[in-house]
Protein backbone atom coordinates (compact mmCIF):
# COMPACT_ATOMS: atom_id res chain seq x y z
CA MET A 1 -84.84 92.98 -86.76
CA THR A 2 -81.75 92.50 -84.68
CA GLU A 3 -83.10 94.44 -81.93
CA LEU A 4 -86.20 92.22 -82.12
CA SER A 5 -84.43 89.10 -81.95
CA SER A 6 -81.92 90.44 -78.70
CA LEU A 7 -85.29 91.60 -77.12
CA SER A 8 -87.16 87.86 -77.67
CA ALA A 9 -84.05 86.16 -76.52
CA VAL A 10 -84.36 88.44 -73.13
CA ILE A 11 -87.70 87.61 -72.64
CA ILE A 12 -87.07 83.75 -73.46
CA VAL A 13 -84.13 84.11 -70.48
CA VAL A 14 -86.61 85.77 -68.04
CA LEU A 15 -89.09 83.45 -68.59
CA LEU A 16 -86.73 80.46 -68.06
CA ILE A 17 -85.48 82.35 -64.84
CA ALA A 18 -89.19 82.60 -63.70
CA LEU A 19 -89.91 78.85 -64.57
CA ALA A 20 -86.96 77.73 -62.55
CA ALA A 21 -87.55 80.09 -59.67
CA LEU A 22 -91.28 78.80 -59.86
CA LEU A 23 -90.01 74.77 -59.97
CA ILE A 24 -87.79 75.59 -57.01
CA THR A 25 -90.26 77.03 -54.99
CA LEU A 26 -92.96 74.07 -56.02
CA VAL A 27 -89.91 71.62 -54.72
CA GLN A 28 -89.70 73.49 -51.79
CA LEU A 29 -93.46 73.83 -51.11
CA TYR A 30 -93.49 70.06 -51.68
CA ARG A 31 -90.67 69.34 -49.18
CA ALA A 32 -92.27 71.56 -46.69
CA ARG A 33 -95.41 69.76 -47.00
CA GLU A 34 -93.67 66.41 -46.63
CA ALA A 35 -91.86 67.84 -43.50
CA LEU A 36 -95.28 69.15 -42.27
CA ASN A 37 -96.73 65.80 -42.79
CA GLU A 38 -93.87 64.04 -40.74
CA LEU A 39 -94.05 66.48 -38.26
CA SER A 40 -98.08 65.99 -37.87
CA ALA A 41 -97.46 62.06 -37.88
CA GLN A 42 -94.80 62.35 -35.06
CA ALA A 43 -97.38 64.78 -33.09
CA TYR A 44 -99.97 62.01 -33.32
CA ARG A 45 -97.54 59.46 -32.22
CA ALA A 46 -96.73 61.38 -29.44
CA ARG A 47 -100.19 61.89 -28.55
CA LEU A 48 -100.71 58.17 -28.67
CA GLU A 49 -97.92 57.62 -26.49
CA ILE A 50 -99.03 60.17 -24.10
CA THR A 51 -102.41 58.59 -23.81
CA ARG A 52 -100.90 55.23 -23.20
CA LEU A 53 -98.73 56.57 -20.77
CA THR A 54 -101.15 58.19 -18.95
CA HIS A 55 -103.76 55.15 -19.03
CA GLN A 56 -100.40 53.28 -17.84
CA LEU A 57 -99.63 55.84 -14.85
CA GLN A 58 -103.57 55.77 -13.93
CA HIS A 59 -103.47 51.98 -13.89
CA ALA A 60 -100.23 51.97 -11.90
CA GLU A 61 -101.86 54.43 -9.18
CA VAL A 62 -104.77 52.48 -8.89
CA VAL A 63 -102.59 49.20 -8.22
CA ARG A 64 -100.53 51.37 -5.94
CA GLN A 65 -103.72 52.74 -4.08
CA THR A 66 -105.19 49.09 -3.83
CA LEU A 67 -102.05 47.61 -2.50
CA PHE A 68 -100.93 50.28 -0.09
CA GLU A 69 -104.46 50.41 1.17
CA HIS A 70 -104.56 46.71 2.00
CA PRO A 71 -105.77 46.39 5.60
CA PHE A 72 -104.34 42.94 6.50
CA ASP A 73 -100.80 42.85 4.88
CA ALA A 74 -97.80 45.30 5.50
CA ILE A 75 -96.43 46.49 2.31
CA VAL A 76 -92.86 48.18 2.00
CA LEU A 77 -90.72 49.44 -0.60
CA LEU A 78 -87.18 49.24 -0.49
CA ASP A 79 -84.24 50.71 -2.79
CA GLU A 80 -81.08 48.73 -3.48
CA GLY A 81 -79.37 49.81 -0.43
CA GLN A 82 -82.11 48.15 1.54
CA ARG A 83 -83.62 51.35 2.90
CA LEU A 84 -87.21 52.03 3.22
CA ILE A 85 -88.57 54.36 0.64
CA ALA A 86 -92.39 53.76 1.10
CA CYS A 87 -94.96 51.86 3.27
CA ASN A 88 -98.46 51.47 3.86
CA GLY A 89 -100.54 52.07 7.11
CA ARG A 90 -100.11 48.27 8.01
CA ALA A 91 -96.52 48.33 7.85
CA LYS A 92 -96.38 51.20 9.96
CA THR A 93 -97.86 49.41 12.97
CA LEU A 94 -95.24 47.10 12.80
CA GLY A 95 -92.63 50.17 12.99
CA LEU A 96 -91.52 50.11 9.45
CA GLU A 97 -92.24 53.91 9.07
CA GLN A 98 -88.88 55.41 9.31
CA LEU A 99 -88.25 56.28 5.82
CA GLY A 100 -84.67 56.00 4.71
CA ALA A 101 -83.64 54.04 7.16
CA SER A 102 -82.18 50.52 6.51
CA LEU A 103 -84.26 47.39 7.21
CA ILE A 104 -81.91 45.86 9.56
CA GLU A 105 -81.82 48.99 11.66
CA THR A 106 -85.75 49.21 11.49
CA THR A 107 -86.71 45.33 12.10
CA ARG A 108 -83.41 43.82 13.48
CA SER A 109 -84.45 40.87 11.77
CA HIS A 110 -81.50 39.42 9.97
CA GLU A 111 -84.05 36.69 8.09
CA LEU A 112 -86.05 39.40 6.68
CA ASP A 113 -82.63 41.47 5.53
CA ALA A 114 -81.50 38.12 4.01
CA LEU A 115 -85.04 37.67 2.08
CA VAL A 116 -84.62 41.03 0.70
CA ALA A 117 -80.75 40.72 -0.19
CA ASP A 118 -81.79 37.46 -2.16
CA ALA A 119 -84.49 39.40 -3.68
CA LEU A 120 -82.14 42.12 -4.93
CA ALA A 121 -80.06 39.16 -6.47
CA GLY A 122 -82.71 38.16 -8.61
CA ARG A 123 -86.05 38.76 -9.89
CA GLU A 124 -88.01 35.78 -8.49
CA TRP A 125 -90.65 35.71 -6.12
CA LEU A 126 -89.28 34.52 -2.72
CA THR A 127 -91.35 33.70 -0.02
CA ARG A 128 -90.11 32.59 3.61
CA ASN A 129 -91.26 32.46 7.24
CA VAL A 130 -90.02 35.11 9.51
CA THR A 131 -90.68 36.27 13.08
CA LEU A 132 -90.88 39.97 13.45
CA ASN A 133 -92.17 41.50 17.00
CA GLU A 134 -92.85 37.76 18.46
CA ARG A 135 -95.00 37.14 15.73
CA LEU A 136 -94.68 34.96 12.76
CA TYR A 137 -95.20 36.50 9.27
CA ARG A 138 -95.20 34.78 6.12
CA ALA A 139 -92.82 37.37 4.32
CA HIS A 140 -93.00 37.76 0.13
CA ALA A 141 -90.08 39.71 -1.50
CA VAL A 142 -89.70 40.56 -5.52
CA ARG A 143 -87.60 42.91 -7.03
CA ALA A 144 -89.13 45.27 -9.49
CA ARG A 145 -86.51 47.28 -11.39
CA ASP A 146 -84.52 49.27 -8.91
CA VAL A 147 -86.84 48.20 -5.81
CA VAL A 148 -87.96 45.51 -3.83
CA VAL A 149 -91.53 45.08 -2.98
CA LEU A 150 -91.97 43.39 0.44
CA PHE A 151 -95.30 41.59 1.56
CA LEU A 152 -95.55 40.62 5.30
CA HIS A 153 -98.73 38.76 6.14
CA ASP A 154 -99.33 37.49 9.96
CA ILE A 155 -99.72 34.07 10.10
CA SER A 156 -99.69 33.60 14.02
CA GLU A 157 -103.14 32.83 14.35
CA LEU A 158 -103.43 30.24 11.65
CA GLN A 159 -100.25 28.88 13.40
CA ARG A 160 -102.07 28.87 16.67
CA LEU A 161 -105.18 27.29 15.05
CA GLY A 162 -102.95 24.81 13.28
CA ARG A 163 -101.33 23.80 17.00
CA ALA A 164 -104.83 23.66 18.59
CA ARG A 165 -105.84 21.33 15.86
CA ARG A 166 -102.97 19.13 16.12
CA ASP A 167 -103.31 18.91 19.94
CA PHE A 168 -107.12 18.19 19.33
CA VAL A 169 -106.44 15.24 17.33
CA ALA A 170 -103.51 13.91 19.31
CA ASN A 171 -105.93 14.21 22.42
CA ILE A 172 -108.60 12.46 20.74
CA SER A 173 -106.78 9.95 19.57
CA HIS A 174 -105.26 9.13 22.94
CA GLU A 175 -108.51 8.94 24.46
CA LEU A 176 -110.13 6.57 21.86
CA ARG A 177 -107.44 3.96 22.29
CA THR A 178 -108.84 2.90 25.98
CA PRO A 179 -112.67 2.15 24.49
CA LEU A 180 -111.02 0.66 21.63
CA SER A 181 -108.77 -1.88 24.00
CA ALA A 182 -112.27 -2.91 25.67
CA LEU A 183 -114.15 -3.33 22.74
CA ARG A 184 -111.40 -5.74 21.42
CA LEU A 185 -111.38 -7.35 24.80
CA LEU A 186 -115.47 -7.70 24.71
CA VAL A 187 -115.33 -9.14 21.52
CA ASP A 188 -112.30 -11.86 22.30
CA SER A 189 -114.31 -12.76 25.43
CA LEU A 190 -117.44 -13.37 23.93
CA ALA A 191 -115.78 -15.37 21.16
CA LEU A 192 -114.42 -17.49 23.69
CA GLU A 193 -117.72 -17.98 25.59
CA ILE A 194 -118.86 -19.22 22.24
CA LYS A 195 -117.21 -22.55 21.61
CA HIS A 196 -118.94 -23.51 18.33
CA PRO A 197 -120.30 -20.22 16.71
CA PRO A 198 -122.76 -20.80 13.82
CA THR A 199 -121.06 -19.57 10.38
CA GLU A 200 -123.17 -16.52 10.32
CA VAL A 201 -121.87 -15.52 14.24
CA GLN A 202 -118.27 -16.58 13.25
CA ARG A 203 -118.30 -14.02 10.25
CA THR A 204 -120.19 -11.38 12.36
CA PHE A 205 -116.97 -11.72 14.83
CA ASP A 206 -114.79 -11.42 11.92
CA GLN A 207 -116.25 -8.35 10.45
CA ILE A 208 -116.25 -6.91 14.02
CA ASN A 209 -112.62 -7.76 14.39
CA THR A 210 -111.69 -6.20 10.71
CA GLN A 211 -113.41 -2.93 11.74
CA LEU A 212 -111.86 -2.91 15.00
CA ALA A 213 -108.53 -3.27 13.48
CA LEU A 214 -108.99 -0.56 10.64
CA LEU A 215 -110.25 1.76 13.37
CA THR A 216 -107.32 1.21 15.94
CA GLN A 217 -105.16 1.86 12.69
CA LEU A 218 -106.99 5.02 12.00
CA VAL A 219 -106.31 6.43 15.54
CA GLN A 220 -102.87 5.38 15.83
CA GLU A 221 -102.17 6.88 12.57
CA LEU A 222 -103.78 10.32 13.55
CA TYR A 223 -102.11 10.34 16.68
CA ASP A 224 -98.67 9.45 14.66
CA LEU A 225 -99.46 12.26 12.35
CA SER A 226 -99.94 14.88 14.85
CA GLN A 227 -96.88 14.01 16.72
CA ILE A 228 -94.89 14.42 13.18
CA GLU A 229 -96.55 17.67 12.44
CA SER A 230 -96.00 19.26 15.63
CA GLY A 231 -91.97 17.91 15.72
CA GLN A 232 -92.84 15.67 18.84
CA MET A 233 -91.62 12.75 17.13
CA PRO A 234 -88.05 13.51 16.67
CA MET A 235 -85.89 11.89 13.94
CA ARG A 236 -82.92 10.07 14.96
CA MET A 237 -80.61 10.79 11.96
CA VAL A 238 -77.74 8.30 11.48
CA ARG A 239 -75.70 7.13 8.53
CA ALA A 240 -77.52 4.01 7.42
CA PRO A 241 -77.49 1.91 4.16
CA LEU A 242 -80.64 2.01 2.40
CA ARG A 243 -80.53 -1.36 0.83
CA GLU A 244 -80.95 -3.20 4.46
CA VAL A 245 -83.99 -0.92 5.06
CA VAL A 246 -85.47 -1.87 1.85
CA GLN A 247 -84.71 -5.68 2.46
CA ALA A 248 -86.52 -5.39 5.68
CA VAL A 249 -89.26 -3.80 4.03
CA PHE A 250 -89.64 -6.78 1.46
CA GLU A 251 -89.05 -9.31 4.27
CA GLN A 252 -92.10 -7.85 5.75
CA LEU A 253 -94.52 -7.70 2.62
CA GLU A 254 -93.20 -10.76 0.98
CA PRO A 255 -96.53 -12.84 1.93
CA GLN A 256 -98.65 -10.26 0.69
CA ALA A 257 -96.81 -9.97 -2.68
CA ALA A 258 -96.69 -13.77 -3.00
CA ARG A 259 -100.66 -13.67 -2.33
CA ALA A 260 -100.80 -11.24 -5.63
CA GLN A 261 -97.95 -13.20 -7.49
CA LEU A 262 -95.64 -9.95 -7.57
CA ALA A 263 -92.00 -9.64 -7.50
CA LEU A 264 -90.25 -7.52 -5.22
CA ILE A 265 -87.15 -6.06 -6.74
CA ASN A 266 -84.24 -4.42 -4.76
CA GLU A 267 -82.21 -2.35 -6.86
CA VAL A 268 -80.79 -0.05 -4.36
CA PRO A 269 -76.61 -0.62 -4.35
CA GLU A 270 -74.86 -1.68 -1.24
CA GLU A 271 -72.82 1.47 -1.04
CA ALA A 272 -76.05 3.79 -0.91
CA TYR A 273 -75.61 5.38 2.14
CA GLY A 274 -77.85 8.00 3.52
CA LEU A 275 -78.49 10.59 6.79
CA PHE A 276 -81.75 9.30 7.98
CA ASP A 277 -83.94 7.55 10.53
CA PRO A 278 -84.05 3.89 9.51
CA VAL A 279 -87.18 3.28 11.42
CA GLN A 280 -88.97 6.28 10.04
CA ILE A 281 -87.99 5.94 6.48
CA GLN A 282 -88.89 1.68 6.55
CA ARG A 283 -92.25 3.06 7.59
CA VAL A 284 -92.30 5.51 4.37
CA LEU A 285 -91.15 2.40 2.37
CA THR A 286 -93.72 0.30 3.85
CA ASN A 287 -96.67 2.52 3.05
CA LEU A 288 -95.34 2.85 -0.80
CA VAL A 289 -94.61 -0.58 -1.30
CA HIS A 290 -97.63 -1.70 0.46
CA ASN A 291 -99.66 0.73 -1.76
CA ALA A 292 -98.01 -0.63 -4.92
CA ILE A 293 -98.91 -4.25 -4.41
CA LYS A 294 -102.48 -3.05 -3.47
CA PHE A 295 -102.81 -1.70 -6.93
CA THR A 296 -100.66 -3.66 -9.02
CA PRO A 297 -102.60 -6.68 -10.64
CA HIS A 298 -99.66 -8.37 -12.00
CA GLY A 299 -95.96 -7.51 -12.63
CA SER A 300 -93.44 -6.36 -10.13
CA VAL A 301 -92.65 -3.69 -7.38
CA THR A 302 -89.07 -2.13 -7.83
CA VAL A 303 -87.09 0.01 -5.33
CA PHE A 304 -84.16 1.92 -6.82
CA ILE A 305 -81.77 4.62 -6.53
CA GLY A 306 -81.72 7.54 -9.33
CA THR A 307 -78.45 7.57 -11.16
CA PRO A 308 -76.52 11.26 -11.09
CA GLU A 309 -77.86 12.38 -14.17
CA GLU A 310 -81.40 11.28 -13.25
CA THR A 311 -80.92 12.85 -9.80
CA ALA A 312 -80.01 16.27 -11.46
CA ALA A 313 -82.74 16.37 -13.86
CA ARG A 314 -85.56 15.51 -11.15
CA LEU A 315 -84.07 18.26 -9.14
CA ARG A 316 -84.34 20.72 -11.80
CA MET A 317 -87.99 19.82 -12.40
CA LEU A 318 -88.30 19.89 -8.57
CA ALA A 319 -86.93 23.35 -8.44
CA GLN A 320 -89.41 24.83 -11.06
CA ARG A 321 -92.38 23.24 -9.17
CA LEU A 322 -91.11 24.62 -5.99
CA PRO A 323 -89.10 27.99 -6.33
CA ASP A 324 -89.32 28.75 -2.72
CA VAL A 325 -87.82 25.79 -1.69
CA GLN A 326 -83.99 25.40 -1.14
CA LEU A 327 -82.72 22.22 -2.72
CA PRO A 328 -79.46 20.73 -1.98
CA PRO A 329 -77.05 20.20 -4.81
CA PRO A 330 -77.57 16.74 -6.86
CA GLU A 331 -74.32 15.34 -5.32
CA GLU A 332 -75.58 15.43 -2.01
CA VAL A 333 -79.04 13.94 -2.81
CA LEU A 334 -80.27 10.22 -2.73
CA LEU A 335 -83.26 10.03 -5.01
CA VAL A 336 -85.29 6.81 -3.87
CA GLY A 337 -87.94 5.65 -6.04
CA VAL A 338 -90.48 2.97 -5.71
CA ARG A 339 -91.86 1.95 -9.13
CA ASP A 340 -94.82 -0.32 -9.94
CA THR A 341 -96.40 -1.88 -13.20
CA GLY A 342 -100.19 -1.17 -11.88
CA ILE A 343 -103.07 0.67 -12.75
CA GLY A 344 -101.72 3.81 -12.55
CA ILE A 345 -103.03 7.14 -10.96
CA PRO A 346 -104.95 9.83 -13.10
CA LYS A 347 -103.11 12.83 -13.63
CA GLU A 348 -105.43 15.31 -11.99
CA GLU A 349 -105.23 13.39 -8.90
CA LEU A 350 -101.48 13.36 -8.34
CA THR A 351 -101.58 16.68 -6.63
CA ARG A 352 -103.91 15.51 -3.95
CA ILE A 353 -102.83 12.03 -3.22
CA PHE A 354 -100.77 13.34 -0.23
CA GLU A 355 -103.62 15.00 1.42
CA ARG A 356 -105.28 13.36 4.50
CA PHE A 357 -108.24 10.67 4.10
CA TYR A 358 -107.73 11.52 0.28
CA LYS A 359 -108.06 8.15 -1.88
CA VAL A 360 -107.86 8.16 -5.63
CA ASP A 361 -110.91 5.90 -5.95
CA ARG A 362 -113.02 5.05 -3.25
CA ALA A 363 -114.93 2.50 -5.36
CA ARG A 364 -112.21 0.37 -5.28
CA GLY A 365 -112.41 -1.11 -2.06
CA LYS A 366 -108.95 -1.69 -1.24
CA GLY A 367 -109.34 -0.51 2.47
CA GLY A 368 -107.00 1.51 4.23
CA THR A 369 -107.34 4.80 6.42
CA GLY A 370 -105.98 7.54 3.41
CA LEU A 371 -103.26 8.74 5.99
CA GLY A 372 -100.36 6.55 4.72
CA LEU A 373 -99.27 8.87 1.98
CA SER A 374 -99.78 11.56 4.20
CA ILE A 375 -97.60 10.22 7.10
CA ALA A 376 -94.89 9.44 4.32
CA LYS A 377 -94.89 13.14 3.19
CA HIS A 378 -94.47 14.49 6.37
CA ILE A 379 -91.49 11.84 7.74
CA VAL A 380 -89.74 12.75 4.49
CA GLU A 381 -90.16 16.56 4.86
CA ALA A 382 -88.91 16.10 8.42
CA HIS A 383 -85.78 14.69 7.07
CA GLY A 384 -85.40 17.87 4.79
CA GLY A 385 -86.49 16.15 1.60
CA GLN A 386 -89.45 16.04 -0.87
CA ILE A 387 -91.82 13.63 -2.34
CA TRP A 388 -93.84 13.12 -5.28
CA ALA A 389 -95.38 10.61 -7.82
CA GLU A 390 -95.52 10.29 -11.58
CA SER A 391 -98.08 7.91 -13.28
CA GLU A 392 -99.44 7.01 -16.33
CA LEU A 393 -102.83 5.23 -16.33
CA GLY A 394 -102.18 1.54 -17.35
CA LYS A 395 -98.65 1.84 -17.03
CA GLY A 396 -97.80 2.04 -13.42
CA THR A 397 -96.76 4.58 -10.91
CA THR A 398 -93.45 5.55 -9.42
CA PHE A 399 -93.12 7.32 -6.28
CA TYR A 400 -89.77 9.42 -5.82
CA PHE A 401 -88.47 11.08 -2.85
CA THR A 402 -84.98 12.39 -1.35
CA LEU A 403 -82.82 11.81 1.36
CA LEU A 404 -79.28 13.38 2.15
CA ARG A 405 -76.49 11.51 0.94
CA GLU A 406 -73.90 10.34 3.49
CA GLY A 407 -70.64 8.98 2.11
C-alpha cells in the first residue's frame, strides 16, 4: 500500500513537471508567434517604405531629367563651397562644364557669385539680372539641402525688343508733334475767320480742341514714358522738403478741387526731407492727387507721411509681396500716402492699375490717357522706391510710395 502511494506521488510529480514544461513551451511558442508577427509587420512596413522611396526616386529622376534636358535655360548644381557638381547641356555652352571648379573661377562674375552666396545663406528663391559673356540673364537661385540650384534664362533678346519698342514709341511720339501742332494752328485760324460762329459750329470747335488737347497729352506722355524707361530722363536727386512739393501741387489743383467741393489737406511735416527730384516727384503727386479729385464725389484728399511704426509695417508687407527686391531699412524711408474718400477701386483691379492705358472703369467717362499711373510708377522706381495702392469700395483709396529719407 505504501509502495502504491509512493508510485502515485511520483506519477503526479512527473505529470506536474510535464505540465509545467508544456506551459513553458506554449508561452515560448506564443512569444515566438508574437515576435514573428512583429517581424512580419516590420517587413511589411519596410516593403511599403521601399515602395514609397522607389516612387520618390522615380519622380525625382523624372524631374531631374526634365530640368536638365530643358533646351532654353542653363541649369547648374553647386555645393556649399560654390563648386560645380552638375550641369545640363545648355550650361555647357556657356562654359559651365568644369565640374569641381568654383563658380567665380568659371564665370568671373561677381554678381553670380554673390547671388549663390545669398542663396546659401537661406532657402528663399532669389532672382537677379546678371551679365555673362556679354549677354543679359535672369538668374534664379534656390538652396535645396546642401546644394544650390542655379537657373540662367537668357533675356538679351527681350531686352533688345524692349529697347526697340521704346525707340519706336519715342520716334512716333516725336513725329506726331508736328502734325498735331499744324492741326491746332489750322483750327485756331479757322476759328478766327468765323467772327460769330453759330452755336453748333462753336460746339464743334470746342470738341475738336478737346480731342486735340487729349491727343497732344497722350503723345507727350508716351514720349516721356519711353524716356523714363530707357533712362534718358535723368533724375536730379537733391535734398528737398516734401511739404513744399505737396503745397505746389495743391496750388495747381485747387481750382479743380474747389469745383468738386473737396478739401485738400497737407499733413506732411515741415521736417520731412527726402532725396529726390522735386520736379519729377511733383509730377507723381500731381497724377495721384488729380486722380483722387476725379474719383472723389465728396470729402477730402490728404497727403501724409507714415509714422515710423506704419512705415515698418508697410515695408514688411511689401517685402512679402516682393521677395526679390532689396528694400532699405524703415528708418531710411519716407512713406508718402495720398488718401481720398472716393468711390474706391475693386480689389481685383489693384494689381493692374499701373499698366499702360489701363482704366478701372472705362464707362465712367472721366477722360485721361491711362498713362498717368504708369508714369508715376516708373518715376518712383527710378528713385529706387516702390508704389502701390490699397482701397475699399465706397470708402476710398490710399496710394503709397517710398522715397529715401534725407536728414
